[in-house]
Amino acid sequence: MIIVLKPNSTPADIDHVLERIKQLGLKAHLSQGEHRTIIGVIGDENKLLAEPLQAIAGVEQVLPIMKPFKLASREFNKKDTVVPVGR
């Protein structure tokens, strides 16, 4: 998951977001640019889905990286699935 912070986020806002991520047992990778700050989050994304990170001061956007139905996608399994019916 990637958390994009607002351009006017204060260091206190950033620290608060990092602390919330740590409390959830996840790892955060902070990347500060000249105009933007983003936080990459590694770990069980299901924990983040229940947490309203979008509501935290300084957070502009929360972007999921993994696609839904990953195990059923062609990226994961390239072969056709064959389901026998009526046997």
C-alpha atoms as a PDB file:
ATOM      1  CA  MET A   1       0.000   0.000   0.000  1.00  0.00           C
ATOM      2  CA  ILE A   2       1.184   3.529  -0.679  1.00  0.00           C
ATOM      3  CA  ILE A   3       0.128   6.480   1.432  1.00  0.00           C
ATOM      4  CA  VAL A   4       0.470   9.854  -0.259  1.00  0.00           C
ATOM      5  CA  LEU A   5       0.722  12.790   2.121  1.00  0.00           C
ATOM      6  CA  LYS A   6      -0.478  16.320   1.468  1.00  0.00           C
ATOM      7  CA  PRO A   7       2.180  18.812   0.344  1.00  0.00           C
ATOM      8  CA  ASN A   8       1.682  20.861   3.513  1.00  0.00           C
ATOM      9  CA  SER A   9       2.045  17.902   5.912  1.00  0.00           C
ATOM     10  CA  THR A  10       3.994  18.749   9.031  1.00  0.00           C
ATOM     11  CA  PRO A  11       6.703  16.515  10.511  1.00  0.00           C
ATOM     12  CA  ALA A  12       4.252  15.791  13.343  1.00  0.00           C
ATOM     13  CA  ASP A  13       1.671  14.566  10.791  1.00  0.00           C
ATOM     14  CA  ILE A  14       4.255  12.283   9.191  1.00  0.00           C
ATOM     15  CA  ASP A  15       5.362  10.915  12.562  1.00  0.00           C
ATOM     16  CA  HIS A  16       1.737  10.237  13.513  1.00  0.00           C
ATOM     17  CA  VAL A  17       1.100   8.236  10.329  1.00  0.00           C
ATOM     18  CA  LEU A  18       4.341   6.283  10.815  1.00  0.00           C
ATOM     19  CA  GLU A  19       3.380   5.502  14.407  1.00  0.00           C
ATOM     20  CA  ARG A  20      -0.083   4.217  13.383  1.00  0.00           C
ATOM     21  CA  ILE A  21       1.528   1.933  10.798  1.00  0.00           C
ATOM     22  CA  LYS A  22       3.974   0.625  13.396  1.00  0.00           C
ATOM     23  CA  GLN A  23       1.128   0.013  15.883  1.00  0.00           C
ATOM     24  CA  LEU A  24      -0.566  -2.185  13.283  1.00  0.00           C
ATOM     25  CA  GLY A  25       2.574  -4.343  13.091  1.00  0.00           C
ATOM     26  CA  LEU A  26       3.504  -3.211   9.581  1.00  0.00           C
ATOM     27  CA  LYS A  27       6.707  -1.777   8.137  1.00  0.00           C
ATOM     28  CA  ALA A  28       6.845   1.720   6.674  1.00  0.00           C
ATOM     29  CA  HIS A  29       9.307   3.074   4.134  1.00  0.00           C
ATOM     30  CA  LEU A  30       9.363   6.867   4.103  1.00  0.00           C
ATOM     31  CA  SER A  31      10.275   8.646   0.885  1.00  0.00           C
ATOM     32  CA  GLN A  32      10.462  12.432   1.055  1.00  0.00           C
ATOM     33  CA  GLY A  33      10.764  14.412  -2.125  1.00  0.00           C
ATOM     34  CA  GLU A  34      11.004  18.112  -2.713  1.00  0.00           C
ATOM     35  CA  HIS A  35       7.238  18.536  -3.074  1.00  0.00           C
ATOM     36  CA  ARG A  36       5.696  15.255  -1.908  1.00  0.00           C
ATOM     37  CA  THR A  37       6.090  12.665   0.798  1.00  0.00           C
ATOM     38  CA  ILE A  38       4.967   9.086   0.337  1.00  0.00           C
ATOM     39  CA  ILE A  39       5.013   6.141   2.682  1.00  0.00           C
ATOM     40  CA  GLY A  40       5.262   2.602   1.365  1.00  0.00           C
ATOM     41  CA  VAL A  41       3.662   0.066   3.691  1.00  0.00           C
ATOM     42  CA  ILE A  42       4.712  -3.583   3.742  1.00  0.00           C
ATOM     43  CA  GLY A  43       2.766  -6.275   5.524  1.00  0.00           C
ATOM     44  CA  ASP A  44      -0.755  -7.641   5.754  1.00  0.00           C
ATOM     45  CA  GLU A  45      -2.857  -5.105   3.855  1.00  0.00           C
ATOM     46  CA  ASN A  46      -6.026  -6.466   5.462  1.00  0.00           C
ATOM     47  CA  LYS A  47      -4.994  -4.701   8.667  1.00  0.00           C
ATOM     48  CA  LEU A  48      -4.922  -1.404   6.769  1.00  0.00           C
ATOM     49  CA  LEU A  49      -8.343  -1.910   5.223  1.00  0.00           C
ATOM     50  CA  ALA A  50      -9.952  -1.796   8.657  1.00  0.00           C
ATOM     51  CA  GLU A  51      -7.961   1.295   9.664  1.00  0.00           C
ATOM     52  CA  PRO A  52      -9.273   4.653   8.348  1.00  0.00           C
ATOM     53  CA  LEU A  53      -5.859   6.059   7.385  1.00  0.00           C
ATOM     54  CA  GLN A  54      -7.465   8.475   4.934  1.00  0.00           C
ATOM     55  CA  ALA A  55      -8.921  10.357   7.915  1.00  0.00           C
ATOM     56  CA  ILE A  56      -5.548  11.038   9.553  1.00  0.00           C
ATOM     57  CA  ALA A  57      -4.325  14.639   9.305  1.00  0.00           C
ATOM     58  CA  GLY A  58      -1.866  15.079   6.472  1.00  0.00           C
ATOM     59  CA  VAL A  59      -2.971  12.045   4.442  1.00  0.00           C
ATOM     60  CA  GLU A  60      -4.133  12.868   0.942  1.00  0.00           C
ATOM     61  CA  GLN A  61      -4.584   9.431  -0.597  1.00  0.00           C
ATOM     62  CA  VAL A  62      -4.230   5.734   0.263  1.00  0.00           C
ATOM     63  CA  LEU A  63      -3.487   3.527  -2.755  1.00  0.00           C
ATOM     64  CA  PRO A  64      -3.627  -0.279  -2.675  1.00  0.00           C
ATOM     65  CA  ILE A  65      -0.943  -2.057  -4.670  1.00  0.00           C
ATOM     66  CA  MET A  66      -2.299  -5.587  -4.770  1.00  0.00           C
ATOM     67  CA  LYS A  67      -5.194  -6.303  -7.065  1.00  0.00           C
ATOM     68  CA  PRO A  68      -8.372  -7.904  -5.792  1.00  0.00           C
ATOM     69  CA  PHE A  69      -8.818 -11.564  -6.753  1.00  0.00           C
ATOM     70  CA  LYS A  70      -5.071 -11.954  -7.209  1.00  0.00           C
ATOM     71  CA  LEU A  71      -5.193 -15.749  -7.018  1.00  0.00           C
ATOM     72  CA  ALA A  72      -7.780 -15.907  -9.811  1.00  0.00           C
ATOM     73  CA  SER A  73      -5.895 -13.553 -12.137  1.00  0.00           C
ATOM     74  CA  ARG A  74      -3.932 -14.462 -15.246  1.00  0.00           C
ATOM     75  CA  GLU A  75      -0.862 -12.878 -13.682  1.00  0.00           C
ATOM     76  CA  PHE A  76      -0.884 -15.521 -10.941  1.00  0.00           C
ATOM     77  CA  ASN A  77      -2.001 -18.578 -12.949  1.00  0.00           C
ATOM     78  CA  LYS A  78      -1.558 -18.459 -16.723  1.00  0.00           C
ATOM     79  CA  LYS A  79      -3.275 -21.809 -17.404  1.00  0.00           C
ATOM     80  CA  ASP A  80      -7.007 -22.148 -18.035  1.00  0.00           C
ATOM     81  CA  THR A  81      -9.086 -23.492 -15.193  1.00  0.00           C
ATOM     82  CA  VAL A  82     -11.174 -26.499 -16.202  1.00  0.00           C
ATOM     83  CA  VAL A  83     -14.208 -27.349 -14.097  1.00  0.00           C
ATOM     84  CA  PRO A  84     -15.893 -30.676 -14.939  1.00  0.00           C
ATOM     85  CA  VAL A  85     -19.686 -30.394 -14.846  1.00  0.00           C
ATOM     86  CA  GLY A  86     -22.255 -33.192 -14.732  1.00  0.00           C
ATOM     87  CA  ARG A  87     -19.963 -36.161 -14.128  1.00  0.00           C
END
